[in-house]
């Protein structure tokens, strides 16, 4: 009788352990599944809003650049795209964004702002250029999205694409000295503001 009682106690005691060990094995698996789901959804939530790039053409000084929401950081340099005494400008590189992607490809067309004081149509009347490209030729050579721009110094002008076509560039009309949208999609929004009277 003692043997039967001990046997039934051993059986009764082993069943909760079996259930506990099953839950013990399943618990970390379930937790790992939730963690994996969280990690997969996190980048989507971080990239839900577009990156905002603001370029401010400051009077008598270098341009000011502000970038918000770049998940991997960004860089700004003049990188030799401006001509001393004629224009200033630079290139903003958004690391890891649209790498070797399709934004503004294949032609890399640009946008031109016109001098509001000049009568239109006038061929040499554009004062600011903005274009989007990918970093295929430096400084980092890894296909990252870049926003480049040039601003003509007083007394200098670029061609107005409405009058004198320049590749596939388009005119965005006269400068307003307020924030103007140059480009906008789900990945990036580019805003430009001239602060120097011409």
N, C-alpha and C. Protein backbone atom coordinates (compact mmCIF):
# COMPACT_ATOMS: atom_id res chain seq x y z
N UNK A 1 0.82 -1.18 0.00
CA UNK A 1 0.00 0.00 0.00
C UNK A 1 0.86 1.25 0.00
N UNK A 2 1.92 1.20 0.80
CA UNK A 2 2.83 2.33 0.81
C UNK A 2 3.45 2.56 -0.55
N UNK A 3 3.74 1.45 -1.23
CA UNK A 3 4.31 1.57 -2.57
C UNK A 3 3.34 2.24 -3.53
N UNK A 4 2.06 1.85 -3.46
CA UNK A 4 1.06 2.46 -4.34
C UNK A 4 0.92 3.95 -4.03
N UNK A 5 0.88 4.30 -2.79
CA UNK A 5 0.76 5.71 -2.40
C UNK A 5 1.97 6.50 -2.85
N UNK A 6 3.15 5.96 -2.65
CA UNK A 6 4.37 6.64 -3.11
C UNK A 6 4.38 6.78 -4.63
N UNK A 7 3.93 5.72 -5.31
CA UNK A 7 3.90 5.75 -6.77
C UNK A 7 2.95 6.81 -7.27
N UNK A 8 1.76 6.91 -6.65
CA UNK A 8 0.79 7.92 -7.09
C UNK A 8 1.28 9.32 -6.74
N UNK A 9 1.99 9.49 -5.64
CA UNK A 9 2.54 10.80 -5.31
C UNK A 9 3.62 11.21 -6.29
N UNK A 10 4.45 10.24 -6.67
CA UNK A 10 5.51 10.52 -7.65
C UNK A 10 4.88 10.91 -8.97
N UNK A 11 3.83 10.19 -9.39
CA UNK A 11 3.16 10.52 -10.66
C UNK A 11 2.51 11.89 -10.58
N UNK A 12 1.83 12.19 -9.47
CA UNK A 12 1.18 13.48 -9.31
C UNK A 12 2.20 14.61 -9.29
N UNK A 13 3.34 14.36 -8.68
CA UNK A 13 4.37 15.40 -8.62
C UNK A 13 5.08 15.59 -9.96
N UNK A 14 5.18 14.55 -10.77
CA UNK A 14 5.90 14.68 -12.03
C UNK A 14 5.08 15.40 -13.09
N UNK A 15 3.78 15.38 -13.00
CA UNK A 15 2.95 16.06 -14.00
C UNK A 15 3.11 17.58 -13.95
N UNK A 16 3.11 18.23 -12.78
CA UNK A 16 3.33 19.68 -12.79
C UNK A 16 4.69 20.06 -13.33
N UNK A 17 5.70 19.20 -13.03
CA UNK A 17 7.02 19.49 -13.57
C UNK A 17 7.01 19.40 -15.08
N UNK A 18 6.29 18.45 -15.63
CA UNK A 18 6.22 18.31 -17.09
C UNK A 18 5.57 19.54 -17.69
N UNK A 19 4.47 20.00 -17.05
CA UNK A 19 3.83 21.21 -17.55
C UNK A 19 4.74 22.42 -17.38
N UNK A 20 5.40 22.51 -16.27
CA UNK A 20 6.31 23.62 -16.01
C UNK A 20 7.48 23.63 -16.97
N UNK A 21 8.02 22.46 -17.29
CA UNK A 21 9.15 22.42 -18.20
C UNK A 21 8.70 22.76 -19.62
N UNK A 22 7.46 22.38 -20.00
CA UNK A 22 6.95 22.76 -21.31
C UNK A 22 6.81 24.27 -21.41
N UNK A 23 6.18 24.89 -20.36
CA UNK A 23 6.04 26.34 -20.36
C UNK A 23 7.40 27.02 -20.24
N UNK A 24 8.30 26.39 -19.50
CA UNK A 24 9.64 26.94 -19.36
C UNK A 24 10.37 26.99 -20.70
N UNK A 25 10.14 25.99 -21.55
CA UNK A 25 10.76 25.98 -22.88
C UNK A 25 10.02 26.92 -23.84
N UNK A 26 8.71 26.98 -23.74
CA UNK A 26 7.91 27.80 -24.65
C UNK A 26 8.00 29.29 -24.30
N UNK A 27 8.15 29.60 -23.02
CA UNK A 27 8.20 31.00 -22.58
C UNK A 27 9.30 31.79 -23.28
N UNK A 28 10.56 31.33 -23.25
CA UNK A 28 11.61 32.08 -23.95
C UNK A 28 11.38 32.13 -25.46
N UNK A 29 10.79 31.09 -26.03
CA UNK A 29 10.52 31.08 -27.47
C UNK A 29 9.49 32.15 -27.81
N UNK A 30 8.44 32.24 -26.98
CA UNK A 30 7.42 33.26 -27.20
C UNK A 30 8.02 34.64 -27.02
N UNK A 31 8.81 34.82 -25.97
CA UNK A 31 9.46 36.11 -25.73
C UNK A 31 10.39 36.46 -26.89
N UNK A 32 11.13 35.49 -27.39
CA UNK A 32 12.02 35.73 -28.53
C UNK A 32 11.23 36.13 -29.77
N UNK A 33 10.08 35.50 -29.96
CA UNK A 33 9.22 35.85 -31.09
C UNK A 33 8.74 37.29 -31.01
N UNK A 34 8.31 37.71 -29.82
CA UNK A 34 7.88 39.10 -29.65
C UNK A 34 9.05 40.06 -29.86
N UNK A 35 10.22 39.71 -29.37
CA UNK A 35 11.39 40.55 -29.55
C UNK A 35 11.76 40.67 -31.04
N UNK A 36 11.71 39.55 -31.75
CA UNK A 36 12.01 39.57 -33.18
C UNK A 36 11.01 40.44 -33.93
N UNK A 37 9.74 40.33 -33.59
CA UNK A 37 8.70 41.15 -34.22
C UNK A 37 8.96 42.63 -33.94
N UNK A 38 9.31 42.95 -32.71
CA UNK A 38 9.61 44.33 -32.33
C UNK A 38 10.78 44.87 -33.14
N UNK A 39 11.84 44.08 -33.27
CA UNK A 39 13.02 44.50 -34.01
C UNK A 39 12.69 44.70 -35.48
N UNK A 40 11.84 43.85 -36.04
CA UNK A 40 11.46 43.99 -37.45
C UNK A 40 10.61 45.23 -37.69
N UNK A 41 9.74 45.54 -36.75
CA UNK A 41 8.85 46.68 -36.91
C UNK A 41 9.50 48.01 -36.56
N UNK A 42 10.55 47.99 -35.75
CA UNK A 42 11.20 49.21 -35.31
C UNK A 42 11.72 50.05 -36.46
N UNK A 43 12.50 49.49 -37.42
CA UNK A 43 12.98 50.34 -38.52
C UNK A 43 11.85 50.96 -39.32
N UNK A 44 10.74 50.23 -39.49
CA UNK A 44 9.60 50.78 -40.24
C UNK A 44 9.03 51.99 -39.51
N UNK A 45 8.94 51.90 -38.20
CA UNK A 45 8.38 53.02 -37.45
C UNK A 45 9.34 54.19 -37.43
N UNK A 46 10.65 53.92 -37.43
CA UNK A 46 11.61 55.00 -37.44
C UNK A 46 11.61 55.73 -38.78
N UNK A 47 11.37 55.01 -39.85
CA UNK A 47 11.40 55.61 -41.18
C UNK A 47 10.02 56.04 -41.67
N UNK A 48 9.05 56.04 -40.77
CA UNK A 48 7.69 56.38 -41.17
C UNK A 48 7.59 57.83 -41.64
N UNK A 49 8.30 58.75 -41.00
CA UNK A 49 8.26 60.15 -41.39
C UNK A 49 9.43 60.45 -42.32
N UNK A 50 9.24 61.35 -43.29
CA UNK A 50 10.35 61.66 -44.19
C UNK A 50 11.44 62.46 -43.47
N UNK A 51 12.63 62.41 -44.03
CA UNK A 51 13.75 63.22 -43.55
C UNK A 51 13.52 64.64 -44.05
N UNK A 52 13.69 65.63 -43.18
CA UNK A 52 13.50 67.03 -43.55
C UNK A 52 14.88 67.68 -43.70
N UNK A 53 15.15 68.20 -44.89
CA UNK A 53 16.41 68.89 -45.16
C UNK A 53 16.08 70.36 -45.43
N UNK A 54 16.68 71.26 -44.64
CA UNK A 54 16.45 72.70 -44.81
C UNK A 54 17.78 73.37 -45.18
N UNK A 55 17.75 74.11 -46.28
CA UNK A 55 18.92 74.84 -46.74
C UNK A 55 18.57 76.32 -46.68
N UNK A 56 19.36 77.08 -45.92
CA UNK A 56 19.13 78.50 -45.78
C UNK A 56 20.32 79.26 -46.34
N UNK A 57 20.08 80.03 -47.39
CA UNK A 57 21.12 80.82 -48.05
C UNK A 57 21.28 82.12 -47.26
N UNK A 58 22.30 82.20 -46.42
CA UNK A 58 22.50 83.32 -45.50
C UNK A 58 23.25 84.45 -46.18
N UNK A 59 22.82 85.69 -45.92
CA UNK A 59 23.50 86.85 -46.48
C UNK A 59 24.90 86.98 -45.88
N UNK A 60 25.87 87.20 -46.73
CA UNK A 60 27.26 87.45 -46.32
C UNK A 60 27.86 86.37 -45.43
N UNK A 61 27.56 85.14 -45.72
CA UNK A 61 28.14 84.04 -44.95
C UNK A 61 27.83 82.71 -45.61
N UNK A 62 28.41 81.66 -45.06
CA UNK A 62 28.15 80.34 -45.62
C UNK A 62 26.70 79.91 -45.39
N UNK A 63 26.18 79.05 -46.23
CA UNK A 63 24.80 78.59 -46.06
C UNK A 63 24.65 77.80 -44.77
N UNK A 64 23.44 77.82 -44.22
CA UNK A 64 23.13 77.03 -43.04
C UNK A 64 22.29 75.84 -43.47
N UNK A 65 22.61 74.68 -42.92
CA UNK A 65 21.93 73.45 -43.27
C UNK A 65 21.40 72.81 -42.00
N UNK A 66 20.16 72.35 -42.06
CA UNK A 66 19.55 71.63 -40.93
C UNK A 66 18.92 70.35 -41.48
N UNK A 67 19.20 69.22 -40.83
CA UNK A 67 18.63 67.94 -41.25
C UNK A 67 17.97 67.31 -40.03
N UNK A 68 16.71 66.93 -40.18
CA UNK A 68 15.97 66.27 -39.10
C UNK A 68 15.48 64.91 -39.58
N UNK A 69 15.70 63.89 -38.75
CA UNK A 69 15.15 62.57 -39.02
C UNK A 69 16.03 61.66 -39.85
N UNK A 70 17.31 62.01 -40.06
CA UNK A 70 18.21 61.12 -40.81
C UNK A 70 18.63 59.98 -39.88
N UNK A 71 18.17 58.74 -40.14
CA UNK A 71 18.38 57.65 -39.20
C UNK A 71 19.84 57.26 -39.00
N UNK A 72 20.68 57.47 -40.01
CA UNK A 72 22.10 57.07 -39.91
C UNK A 72 23.04 58.26 -39.89
N UNK A 73 22.51 59.45 -39.72
CA UNK A 73 23.33 60.65 -39.70
C UNK A 73 23.49 61.27 -41.07
N UNK A 74 24.22 62.39 -41.11
CA UNK A 74 24.41 63.13 -42.35
C UNK A 74 25.71 63.91 -42.28
N UNK A 75 26.11 64.44 -43.43
CA UNK A 75 27.34 65.21 -43.53
C UNK A 75 27.10 66.37 -44.49
N UNK A 76 27.79 67.48 -44.26
CA UNK A 76 27.72 68.62 -45.17
C UNK A 76 29.14 69.07 -45.50
N UNK A 77 29.39 69.26 -46.79
CA UNK A 77 30.69 69.81 -47.19
C UNK A 77 30.51 70.61 -48.47
N UNK A 78 31.48 71.52 -48.72
CA UNK A 78 31.44 72.27 -49.98
C UNK A 78 31.95 71.41 -51.12
N UNK A 79 32.84 70.50 -50.85
CA UNK A 79 33.26 69.45 -51.80
C UNK A 79 33.63 69.95 -53.19
N UNK A 80 34.04 71.20 -53.30
CA UNK A 80 34.51 71.71 -54.58
C UNK A 80 33.43 71.94 -55.62
N UNK A 81 32.15 72.02 -55.21
CA UNK A 81 31.11 72.25 -56.23
C UNK A 81 30.84 73.73 -56.46
N UNK A 82 31.46 74.60 -55.67
CA UNK A 82 31.23 76.02 -55.86
C UNK A 82 32.47 76.68 -56.49
N UNK A 83 32.24 77.80 -57.16
CA UNK A 83 33.32 78.55 -57.80
C UNK A 83 33.57 79.79 -56.97
N UNK A 84 34.77 79.92 -56.44
CA UNK A 84 35.13 81.03 -55.57
C UNK A 84 34.87 82.38 -56.24
N UNK A 85 34.19 83.25 -55.56
CA UNK A 85 33.89 84.57 -56.09
C UNK A 85 32.68 84.62 -56.99
N UNK A 86 32.10 83.46 -57.33
CA UNK A 86 30.95 83.42 -58.22
C UNK A 86 29.73 82.83 -57.52
N UNK A 87 29.96 81.82 -56.70
CA UNK A 87 28.86 81.13 -56.05
C UNK A 87 29.35 80.45 -54.77
N UNK A 88 28.39 80.12 -53.92
CA UNK A 88 28.69 79.25 -52.78
C UNK A 88 27.69 78.10 -52.81
N UNK A 89 27.95 77.09 -52.03
CA UNK A 89 27.06 75.94 -52.04
C UNK A 89 27.67 74.76 -51.32
N UNK A 90 27.10 73.61 -51.53
CA UNK A 90 27.63 72.42 -50.88
C UNK A 90 26.79 71.18 -51.19
N UNK A 91 27.19 70.09 -50.54
CA UNK A 91 26.53 68.80 -50.72
C UNK A 91 26.18 68.24 -49.35
N UNK A 92 24.93 67.84 -49.18
CA UNK A 92 24.47 67.18 -47.96
C UNK A 92 24.33 65.70 -48.27
N UNK A 93 25.03 64.86 -47.54
CA UNK A 93 24.96 63.41 -47.73
C UNK A 93 24.15 62.80 -46.61
N UNK A 94 23.10 62.06 -46.96
CA UNK A 94 22.26 61.35 -45.99
C UNK A 94 22.71 59.89 -45.97
N UNK A 95 23.47 59.51 -44.95
CA UNK A 95 24.07 58.18 -44.90
C UNK A 95 23.02 57.07 -44.86
N UNK A 96 23.17 56.11 -45.75
CA UNK A 96 22.30 54.94 -45.78
C UNK A 96 20.91 55.17 -46.32
N UNK A 97 20.63 56.34 -46.88
CA UNK A 97 19.29 56.66 -47.40
C UNK A 97 19.26 56.47 -48.91
N UNK A 98 18.29 55.69 -49.39
CA UNK A 98 18.09 55.46 -50.82
C UNK A 98 19.40 55.08 -51.52
N UNK A 99 20.21 54.26 -50.84
CA UNK A 99 21.51 53.87 -51.37
C UNK A 99 21.35 53.21 -52.74
N UNK A 100 22.03 53.76 -53.73
CA UNK A 100 21.93 53.31 -55.12
C UNK A 100 20.46 53.23 -55.54
N UNK A 101 19.65 54.16 -55.03
CA UNK A 101 18.21 54.12 -55.24
C UNK A 101 17.76 54.87 -56.48
N UNK A 102 16.48 55.21 -56.50
CA UNK A 102 15.87 55.74 -57.70
C UNK A 102 15.42 57.20 -57.57
N UNK A 103 15.58 57.82 -56.40
CA UNK A 103 15.13 59.21 -56.26
C UNK A 103 15.92 60.10 -57.23
N UNK A 104 15.19 60.80 -58.10
CA UNK A 104 15.75 61.75 -59.07
C UNK A 104 16.73 61.11 -60.06
N UNK A 105 16.62 59.83 -60.29
CA UNK A 105 17.48 59.15 -61.25
C UNK A 105 16.65 58.81 -62.50
N UNK A 106 17.20 58.65 -63.65
CA UNK A 106 18.63 58.62 -63.93
C UNK A 106 19.23 59.98 -64.29
N UNK A 107 18.41 61.00 -64.51
CA UNK A 107 18.93 62.25 -65.07
C UNK A 107 19.45 63.24 -64.03
N UNK A 108 19.06 63.08 -62.77
CA UNK A 108 19.46 64.00 -61.70
C UNK A 108 19.15 65.44 -62.08
N UNK A 109 17.91 65.66 -62.49
CA UNK A 109 17.47 67.00 -62.85
C UNK A 109 17.53 67.92 -61.63
N UNK A 110 17.61 69.22 -61.89
CA UNK A 110 17.70 70.19 -60.81
C UNK A 110 16.54 71.17 -60.85
N UNK A 111 16.50 72.00 -59.83
CA UNK A 111 15.47 73.02 -59.70
C UNK A 111 16.17 74.36 -59.54
N UNK A 112 15.64 75.39 -60.19
CA UNK A 112 16.27 76.70 -60.18
C UNK A 112 15.27 77.76 -59.72
N UNK A 113 15.77 78.61 -58.82
CA UNK A 113 14.99 79.76 -58.36
C UNK A 113 15.47 81.00 -59.10
N UNK A 114 14.51 81.89 -59.44
CA UNK A 114 14.81 83.08 -60.23
C UNK A 114 14.90 84.32 -59.34
N UNK A 115 15.65 85.30 -59.83
CA UNK A 115 15.77 86.58 -59.13
C UNK A 115 14.44 87.31 -59.28
N UNK A 116 13.76 87.62 -58.17
CA UNK A 116 12.45 88.27 -58.27
C UNK A 116 12.51 89.70 -58.79
N UNK A 117 13.70 90.31 -58.81
CA UNK A 117 13.82 91.70 -59.27
C UNK A 117 13.98 91.82 -60.78
N UNK A 118 14.34 90.71 -61.43
CA UNK A 118 14.56 90.78 -62.88
C UNK A 118 13.27 90.53 -63.64
N UNK A 119 13.06 91.27 -64.75
CA UNK A 119 11.87 91.01 -65.56
C UNK A 119 12.00 89.63 -66.21
N UNK A 120 10.88 88.96 -66.34
CA UNK A 120 10.87 87.63 -66.96
C UNK A 120 10.09 87.71 -68.26
N UNK A 121 10.45 86.98 -69.29
CA UNK A 121 11.51 85.98 -69.30
C UNK A 121 12.87 86.58 -69.61
N UNK A 122 13.85 86.22 -68.81
CA UNK A 122 15.24 86.63 -69.03
C UNK A 122 16.10 85.39 -68.88
N UNK A 123 16.99 85.16 -69.84
CA UNK A 123 17.80 83.94 -69.80
C UNK A 123 18.69 83.88 -68.56
N UNK A 124 19.59 84.85 -68.34
CA UNK A 124 20.44 84.75 -67.14
C UNK A 124 19.74 85.37 -65.93
N UNK A 125 18.85 84.61 -65.29
CA UNK A 125 18.10 85.18 -64.17
C UNK A 125 17.93 84.23 -63.00
N UNK A 126 18.45 83.01 -63.10
CA UNK A 126 18.35 82.07 -61.97
C UNK A 126 19.48 82.38 -60.98
N UNK A 127 19.17 82.33 -59.70
CA UNK A 127 20.17 82.68 -58.68
C UNK A 127 20.49 81.53 -57.74
N UNK A 128 19.65 80.51 -57.69
CA UNK A 128 19.89 79.37 -56.80
C UNK A 128 19.55 78.08 -57.52
N UNK A 129 20.41 77.06 -57.36
CA UNK A 129 20.21 75.74 -57.94
C UNK A 129 20.17 74.72 -56.82
N UNK A 130 19.26 73.76 -56.93
CA UNK A 130 19.20 72.64 -55.99
C UNK A 130 19.01 71.38 -56.83
N UNK A 131 19.74 70.32 -56.51
CA UNK A 131 19.54 69.06 -57.21
C UNK A 131 19.80 67.90 -56.26
N UNK A 132 19.24 66.76 -56.63
CA UNK A 132 19.39 65.54 -55.83
C UNK A 132 20.19 64.54 -56.66
N UNK A 133 21.15 63.90 -56.02
CA UNK A 133 22.01 62.93 -56.70
C UNK A 133 22.35 61.82 -55.72
N UNK A 134 23.13 60.87 -56.18
CA UNK A 134 23.63 59.80 -55.31
C UNK A 134 25.15 59.85 -55.31
N UNK A 135 25.75 59.46 -54.22
CA UNK A 135 27.19 59.59 -54.00
C UNK A 135 27.95 58.47 -54.73
N UNK A 136 28.09 58.64 -56.05
CA UNK A 136 28.83 57.66 -56.84
C UNK A 136 30.28 58.09 -57.06
N UNK A 137 30.57 59.36 -56.81
CA UNK A 137 31.91 59.85 -57.13
C UNK A 137 32.57 60.57 -55.97
N UNK A 138 32.08 60.41 -54.78
CA UNK A 138 32.73 61.00 -53.61
C UNK A 138 31.86 62.03 -52.96
N UNK A 139 32.13 62.33 -51.72
CA UNK A 139 33.34 61.96 -50.99
C UNK A 139 33.33 60.55 -50.38
N UNK A 140 32.16 59.90 -50.30
CA UNK A 140 32.10 58.60 -49.62
C UNK A 140 31.95 57.41 -50.57
N UNK A 141 31.51 57.65 -51.81
CA UNK A 141 31.45 56.62 -52.86
C UNK A 141 30.57 55.42 -52.52
N UNK A 142 29.46 55.60 -51.81
CA UNK A 142 28.65 54.44 -51.45
C UNK A 142 27.18 54.57 -51.86
N UNK A 143 26.87 55.45 -52.79
CA UNK A 143 25.53 55.53 -53.34
C UNK A 143 24.49 56.19 -52.44
N UNK A 144 24.93 56.83 -51.34
CA UNK A 144 23.97 57.50 -50.45
C UNK A 144 23.29 58.67 -51.16
N UNK A 145 22.09 59.00 -50.71
CA UNK A 145 21.35 60.13 -51.27
C UNK A 145 22.05 61.43 -50.88
N UNK A 146 22.16 62.35 -51.86
CA UNK A 146 22.77 63.65 -51.62
C UNK A 146 21.87 64.75 -52.14
N UNK A 147 21.82 65.85 -51.40
CA UNK A 147 21.15 67.06 -51.86
C UNK A 147 22.25 68.09 -52.05
N UNK A 148 22.38 68.60 -53.27
CA UNK A 148 23.44 69.56 -53.58
C UNK A 148 22.79 70.89 -53.98
N UNK A 149 23.54 71.97 -53.78
CA UNK A 149 23.01 73.28 -54.13
C UNK A 149 24.13 74.26 -54.39
N UNK A 150 23.82 75.26 -55.21
CA UNK A 150 24.70 76.40 -55.46
C UNK A 150 23.86 77.66 -55.41
N UNK A 151 24.45 78.72 -54.90
CA UNK A 151 23.81 80.03 -54.88
C UNK A 151 24.75 81.04 -55.51
N UNK A 152 24.28 81.72 -56.54
CA UNK A 152 25.10 82.73 -57.22
C UNK A 152 25.29 83.93 -56.30
N UNK A 153 26.50 84.43 -56.25
CA UNK A 153 26.78 85.64 -55.47
C UNK A 153 26.22 86.84 -56.23
N UNK A 154 25.97 87.96 -55.54
CA UNK A 154 25.39 89.13 -56.22
C UNK A 154 26.17 89.50 -57.49
N UNK A 155 25.42 89.79 -58.55
CA UNK A 155 26.01 90.14 -59.84
C UNK A 155 26.23 88.95 -60.75
N UNK A 156 25.98 87.74 -60.27
CA UNK A 156 26.14 86.53 -61.08
C UNK A 156 24.80 85.81 -61.19
N UNK A 157 24.60 85.14 -62.34
CA UNK A 157 23.33 84.46 -62.57
C UNK A 157 23.55 83.14 -63.28
N UNK A 158 22.57 82.24 -63.12
CA UNK A 158 22.52 81.00 -63.88
C UNK A 158 21.44 81.16 -64.94
N UNK A 159 21.39 80.24 -65.86
CA UNK A 159 20.38 80.29 -66.91
C UNK A 159 19.01 79.91 -66.37
N UNK A 160 18.00 80.61 -66.85
CA UNK A 160 16.60 80.30 -66.52
C UNK A 160 16.15 79.19 -67.47
N UNK A 161 15.82 77.99 -66.95
CA UNK A 161 15.46 76.89 -67.85
C UNK A 161 14.17 77.11 -68.62
N UNK A 162 13.33 78.08 -68.20
CA UNK A 162 12.11 78.38 -68.96
C UNK A 162 12.44 79.08 -70.27
N UNK A 163 13.57 79.81 -70.29
CA UNK A 163 13.95 80.58 -71.48
C UNK A 163 15.10 79.90 -72.21
N UNK A 164 16.10 79.49 -71.48
CA UNK A 164 17.29 78.84 -72.04
C UNK A 164 17.41 77.47 -71.39
N UNK A 165 16.82 76.43 -71.98
CA UNK A 165 16.82 75.11 -71.35
C UNK A 165 18.22 74.63 -70.95
N UNK A 166 18.27 74.01 -69.78
CA UNK A 166 19.53 73.48 -69.24
C UNK A 166 19.26 72.03 -68.87
N UNK A 167 19.58 71.10 -69.76
CA UNK A 167 19.30 69.70 -69.48
C UNK A 167 17.82 69.52 -69.15
N UNK A 168 17.57 68.88 -68.02
CA UNK A 168 16.18 68.66 -67.60
C UNK A 168 15.82 69.50 -66.38
N UNK A 169 16.64 70.52 -66.06
CA UNK A 169 16.34 71.39 -64.93
C UNK A 169 15.02 72.13 -65.17
N UNK A 170 14.33 72.44 -64.08
CA UNK A 170 13.07 73.19 -64.16
C UNK A 170 13.15 74.41 -63.25
N UNK A 171 12.35 75.41 -63.59
CA UNK A 171 12.28 76.62 -62.79
C UNK A 171 11.25 76.45 -61.69
N UNK A 172 11.59 76.92 -60.50
CA UNK A 172 10.62 76.96 -59.40
C UNK A 172 10.09 78.37 -59.18
N UNK A 173 10.35 79.25 -60.16
CA UNK A 173 9.84 80.61 -60.08
C UNK A 173 10.73 81.50 -59.23
N UNK A 174 10.24 82.71 -58.97
CA UNK A 174 11.05 83.67 -58.22
C UNK A 174 11.21 83.27 -56.75
N UNK A 175 12.34 83.68 -56.18
CA UNK A 175 12.54 83.49 -54.74
C UNK A 175 11.50 84.29 -53.97
N UNK A 176 11.05 83.77 -52.86
CA UNK A 176 10.08 84.47 -52.03
C UNK A 176 10.68 84.92 -50.70
N UNK A 177 11.89 84.47 -50.40
CA UNK A 177 12.56 84.72 -49.12
C UNK A 177 11.80 84.09 -47.96
N UNK A 178 11.01 83.07 -48.28
CA UNK A 178 10.32 82.23 -47.30
C UNK A 178 10.69 80.79 -47.63
N UNK A 179 10.36 79.86 -46.73
CA UNK A 179 10.66 78.45 -47.01
C UNK A 179 9.85 77.99 -48.21
N UNK A 180 10.55 77.43 -49.19
CA UNK A 180 9.92 76.91 -50.40
C UNK A 180 10.27 75.44 -50.54
N UNK A 181 9.27 74.63 -50.90
CA UNK A 181 9.51 73.20 -51.09
C UNK A 181 10.13 72.97 -52.46
N UNK A 182 11.29 72.32 -52.44
CA UNK A 182 11.98 71.98 -53.67
C UNK A 182 11.57 70.59 -54.13
N UNK A 183 11.54 69.64 -53.18
CA UNK A 183 11.23 68.24 -53.50
C UNK A 183 10.59 67.62 -52.27
N UNK A 184 9.63 66.73 -52.49
CA UNK A 184 8.99 66.04 -51.36
C UNK A 184 8.48 64.68 -51.80
N UNK A 185 8.82 63.65 -51.04
CA UNK A 185 8.24 62.33 -51.20
C UNK A 185 8.24 61.65 -49.83
N UNK A 186 7.99 60.35 -49.79
CA UNK A 186 7.90 59.64 -48.51
C UNK A 186 9.26 59.49 -47.83
N UNK A 187 10.35 59.70 -48.57
CA UNK A 187 11.70 59.52 -48.02
C UNK A 187 12.30 60.84 -47.55
N UNK A 188 12.18 61.88 -48.36
CA UNK A 188 12.86 63.14 -48.04
C UNK A 188 12.04 64.34 -48.50
N UNK A 189 12.12 65.40 -47.71
CA UNK A 189 11.52 66.69 -48.07
C UNK A 189 12.66 67.70 -48.06
N UNK A 190 12.83 68.43 -49.16
CA UNK A 190 13.89 69.43 -49.27
C UNK A 190 13.25 70.81 -49.31
N UNK A 191 13.65 71.66 -48.38
CA UNK A 191 13.15 73.03 -48.30
C UNK A 191 14.31 73.99 -48.51
N UNK A 192 14.03 75.12 -49.17
CA UNK A 192 15.06 76.12 -49.43
C UNK A 192 14.52 77.50 -49.09
N UNK A 193 15.41 78.33 -48.53
CA UNK A 193 15.03 79.71 -48.19
C UNK A 193 16.23 80.62 -48.44
N UNK A 194 16.05 81.63 -49.27
CA UNK A 194 17.10 82.61 -49.49
C UNK A 194 16.90 83.74 -48.47
N UNK A 195 17.98 84.15 -47.84
CA UNK A 195 17.89 85.22 -46.84
C UNK A 195 18.67 86.45 -47.26
N UNK A 196 19.21 86.44 -48.47
CA UNK A 196 19.97 87.61 -48.88
C UNK A 196 19.26 88.31 -50.03
N UNK A 197 18.98 89.58 -49.88
CA UNK A 197 18.36 90.31 -50.99
C UNK A 197 19.32 90.41 -52.14
N UNK A 198 18.80 90.35 -53.33
CA UNK A 198 19.65 90.37 -54.53
C UNK A 198 19.57 91.72 -55.19
